[in-house]
């Protein structure tokens, strides 16, 4: 699976299958999932905490640190997808519409 060949729907199915196999639907409500997303985002931030801007930019050059940050980013993405699944939100439509609103709100120079 790569970003170039994987659809959002394939990722949604991947997360849904993982959740279903563990009988986690009982826990996967918007409140719990949004709290879990915030926790995972904080874990991602830990990889950059106390670094200067320059040091933070170099994390991607260190394979171990890049991998660790990527693991936390993947956890964040999994929770975003789980929330979308639980709330039946079409991520592609929602993101496109939001970017259009953002372009109006923050026009390019």
C-alpha atoms as a PDB file:
ATOM      1  CA  UNK A   1       0.000   0.000   0.000  1.00  0.00           C
ATOM      2  CA  UNK A   2       1.301   3.449  -0.887  1.00  0.00           C
ATOM      3  CA  UNK A   3      -0.310   6.872  -1.011  1.00  0.00           C
ATOM      4  CA  UNK A   4      -0.102   6.786  -4.791  1.00  0.00           C
ATOM      5  CA  UNK A   5      -2.105   3.574  -5.131  1.00  0.00           C
ATOM      6  CA  UNK A   6      -4.367   3.472  -2.058  1.00  0.00           C
ATOM      7  CA  UNK A   7      -7.780   5.098  -1.945  1.00  0.00           C
ATOM      8  CA  UNK A   8      -9.388   6.657   1.107  1.00  0.00           C
ATOM      9  CA  UNK A   9     -12.029   3.945   0.893  1.00  0.00           C
ATOM     10  CA  UNK A  10      -9.356   1.235   1.123  1.00  0.00           C
ATOM     11  CA  UNK A  11      -8.035   2.857   4.305  1.00  0.00           C
ATOM     12  CA  UNK A  12     -11.564   3.084   5.697  1.00  0.00           C
ATOM     13  CA  UNK A  13     -12.065  -0.628   5.056  1.00  0.00           C
ATOM     14  CA  UNK A  14      -8.697  -1.420   6.663  1.00  0.00           C
ATOM     15  CA  UNK A  15      -9.606   0.475   9.849  1.00  0.00           C
ATOM     16  CA  UNK A  16     -13.160  -0.923   9.904  1.00  0.00           C
ATOM     17  CA  UNK A  17     -11.895  -4.488   9.590  1.00  0.00           C
ATOM     18  CA  UNK A  18      -9.402  -3.955  12.419  1.00  0.00           C
ATOM     19  CA  UNK A  19     -12.119  -2.516  14.684  1.00  0.00           C
ATOM     20  CA  UNK A  20     -14.671  -5.217  13.833  1.00  0.00           C
ATOM     21  CA  UNK A  21     -12.220  -8.084  14.398  1.00  0.00           C
ATOM     22  CA  UNK A  22     -11.672  -6.837  17.955  1.00  0.00           C
ATOM     23  CA  UNK A  23     -15.336  -6.046  18.681  1.00  0.00           C
ATOM     24  CA  UNK A  24     -14.409  -2.444  19.413  1.00  0.00           C
ATOM     25  CA  UNK A  25     -17.528  -0.824  17.928  1.00  0.00           C
ATOM     26  CA  UNK A  26     -18.937  -0.687  21.440  1.00  0.00           C
ATOM     27  CA  UNK A  27     -16.170   1.776  22.327  1.00  0.00           C
ATOM     28  CA  UNK A  28     -15.991   3.650  19.027  1.00  0.00           C
ATOM     29  CA  UNK A  29     -18.265   6.607  19.522  1.00  0.00           C
ATOM     30  CA  UNK A  30     -17.401  10.180  18.504  1.00  0.00           C
ATOM     31  CA  UNK A  31     -16.529  11.234  22.076  1.00  0.00           C
ATOM     32  CA  UNK A  32     -14.117   8.375  22.754  1.00  0.00           C
ATOM     33  CA  UNK A  33     -12.574   8.536  19.302  1.00  0.00           C
ATOM     34  CA  UNK A  34     -12.047  12.302  19.378  1.00  0.00           C
ATOM     35  CA  UNK A  35     -10.406  12.015  22.796  1.00  0.00           C
ATOM     36  CA  UNK A  36      -8.170   9.219  21.491  1.00  0.00           C
ATOM     37  CA  UNK A  37      -7.235  11.363  18.493  1.00  0.00           C
ATOM     38  CA  UNK A  38      -6.200  14.203  20.812  1.00  0.00           C
ATOM     39  CA  UNK A  39      -4.084  11.806  22.871  1.00  0.00           C
ATOM     40  CA  UNK A  40      -2.346  10.444  19.777  1.00  0.00           C
ATOM     41  CA  UNK A  41      -1.758  13.987  18.483  1.00  0.00           C
ATOM     42  CA  UNK A  42      -0.070  14.779  21.797  1.00  0.00           C
ATOM     43  CA  UNK A  43       2.110  11.681  21.400  1.00  0.00           C
ATOM     44  CA  UNK A  44       3.113  12.945  17.948  1.00  0.00           C
ATOM     45  CA  UNK A  45       3.950  16.346  19.427  1.00  0.00           C
ATOM     46  CA  UNK A  46       6.275  14.695  21.951  1.00  0.00           C
ATOM     47  CA  UNK A  47       8.643  13.846  19.098  1.00  0.00           C
ATOM     48  CA  UNK A  48       9.127  17.571  18.448  1.00  0.00           C
ATOM     49  CA  UNK A  49       8.785  18.969  21.956  1.00  0.00           C
ATOM     50  CA  UNK A  50      11.711  21.158  22.988  1.00  0.00           C
ATOM     51  CA  UNK A  51      13.304  20.995  19.535  1.00  0.00           C
ATOM     52  CA  UNK A  52      14.133  24.162  17.661  1.00  0.00           C
ATOM     53  CA  UNK A  53      12.494  24.656  14.272  1.00  0.00           C
ATOM     54  CA  UNK A  54      15.713  23.543  12.625  1.00  0.00           C
ATOM     55  CA  UNK A  55      16.016  20.413  14.789  1.00  0.00           C
ATOM     56  CA  UNK A  56      12.368  19.542  14.167  1.00  0.00           C
ATOM     57  CA  UNK A  57      12.871  19.809  10.423  1.00  0.00           C
ATOM     58  CA  UNK A  58      15.745  17.309  10.661  1.00  0.00           C
ATOM     59  CA  UNK A  59      13.621  14.574  12.266  1.00  0.00           C
ATOM     60  CA  UNK A  60      12.778  13.316   8.775  1.00  0.00           C
ATOM     61  CA  UNK A  61      16.500  12.764   8.113  1.00  0.00           C
ATOM     62  CA  UNK A  62      16.875  10.354  11.042  1.00  0.00           C
ATOM     63  CA  UNK A  63      15.256   7.063   9.999  1.00  0.00           C
ATOM     64  CA  UNK A  64      14.511   5.920  13.554  1.00  0.00           C
ATOM     65  CA  UNK A  65      12.978   9.215  14.631  1.00  0.00           C
ATOM     66  CA  UNK A  66      11.081   9.543  11.356  1.00  0.00           C
ATOM     67  CA  UNK A  67       9.670   6.031  11.811  1.00  0.00           C
ATOM     68  CA  UNK A  68       8.607   6.770  15.394  1.00  0.00           C
ATOM     69  CA  UNK A  69       6.892  10.012  14.389  1.00  0.00           C
ATOM     70  CA  UNK A  70       5.264   8.170  11.480  1.00  0.00           C
ATOM     71  CA  UNK A  71       3.851   5.576  13.873  1.00  0.00           C
ATOM     72  CA  UNK A  72       2.141   8.337  15.864  1.00  0.00           C
ATOM     73  CA  UNK A  73       0.930  10.002  12.682  1.00  0.00           C
ATOM     74  CA  UNK A  74      -0.546   6.668  11.562  1.00  0.00           C
ATOM     75  CA  UNK A  75      -2.356   6.381  14.909  1.00  0.00           C
ATOM     76  CA  UNK A  76      -3.804   9.875  14.338  1.00  0.00           C
ATOM     77  CA  UNK A  77      -4.920   8.957  10.835  1.00  0.00           C
ATOM     78  CA  UNK A  78      -6.496   5.721  12.050  1.00  0.00           C
ATOM     79  CA  UNK A  79      -8.552   7.663  14.584  1.00  0.00           C
ATOM     80  CA  UNK A  80      -9.569  10.279  11.994  1.00  0.00           C
ATOM     81  CA  UNK A  81     -10.772   7.447   9.767  1.00  0.00           C
ATOM     82  CA  UNK A  82     -12.498   5.696  12.679  1.00  0.00           C
ATOM     83  CA  UNK A  83     -14.371   8.917  13.491  1.00  0.00           C
ATOM     84  CA  UNK A  84     -15.387   9.289   9.850  1.00  0.00           C
ATOM     85  CA  UNK A  85     -16.570   5.683   9.823  1.00  0.00           C
ATOM     86  CA  UNK A  86     -18.521   6.064  13.073  1.00  0.00           C
ATOM     87  CA  UNK A  87     -20.154   9.312  11.939  1.00  0.00           C
ATOM     88  CA  UNK A  88     -20.574   8.300   8.288  1.00  0.00           C
ATOM     89  CA  UNK A  89     -18.633  11.343   7.080  1.00  0.00           C
ATOM     90  CA  UNK A  90     -17.265  11.289   3.549  1.00  0.00           C
ATOM     91  CA  UNK A  91     -13.715  12.478   4.082  1.00  0.00           C
ATOM     92  CA  UNK A  92     -13.016  13.367   0.455  1.00  0.00           C
ATOM     93  CA  UNK A  93     -16.147  15.502   0.083  1.00  0.00           C
ATOM     94  CA  UNK A  94     -15.684  17.120   3.481  1.00  0.00           C
ATOM     95  CA  UNK A  95     -12.022  17.953   2.926  1.00  0.00           C
ATOM     96  CA  UNK A  96     -12.638  19.366  -0.553  1.00  0.00           C
ATOM     97  CA  UNK A  97     -15.468  21.565   0.736  1.00  0.00           C
ATOM     98  CA  UNK A  98     -13.368  22.709   3.692  1.00  0.00           C
ATOM     99  CA  UNK A  99     -10.425  23.614   1.455  1.00  0.00           C
ATOM    100  CA  UNK A 100     -12.728  25.702  -0.749  1.00  0.00           C
ATOM    101  CA  UNK A 101     -13.990  27.551   2.348  1.00  0.00           C
ATOM    102  CA  UNK A 102     -10.393  27.971   3.536  1.00  0.00           C
ATOM    103  CA  UNK A 103      -9.369  29.411   0.159  1.00  0.00           C
ATOM    104  CA  UNK A 104     -12.077  32.054   0.504  1.00  0.00           C
ATOM    105  CA  UNK A 105     -11.154  32.759   4.117  1.00  0.00           C
ATOM    106  CA  UNK A 106      -7.394  32.799   3.425  1.00  0.00           C
ATOM    107  CA  UNK A 107      -6.925  33.899  -0.192  1.00  0.00           C
ATOM    108  CA  UNK A 108      -3.547  33.362  -1.809  1.00  0.00           C
ATOM    109  CA  UNK A 109      -1.626  36.578  -2.523  1.00  0.00           C
END
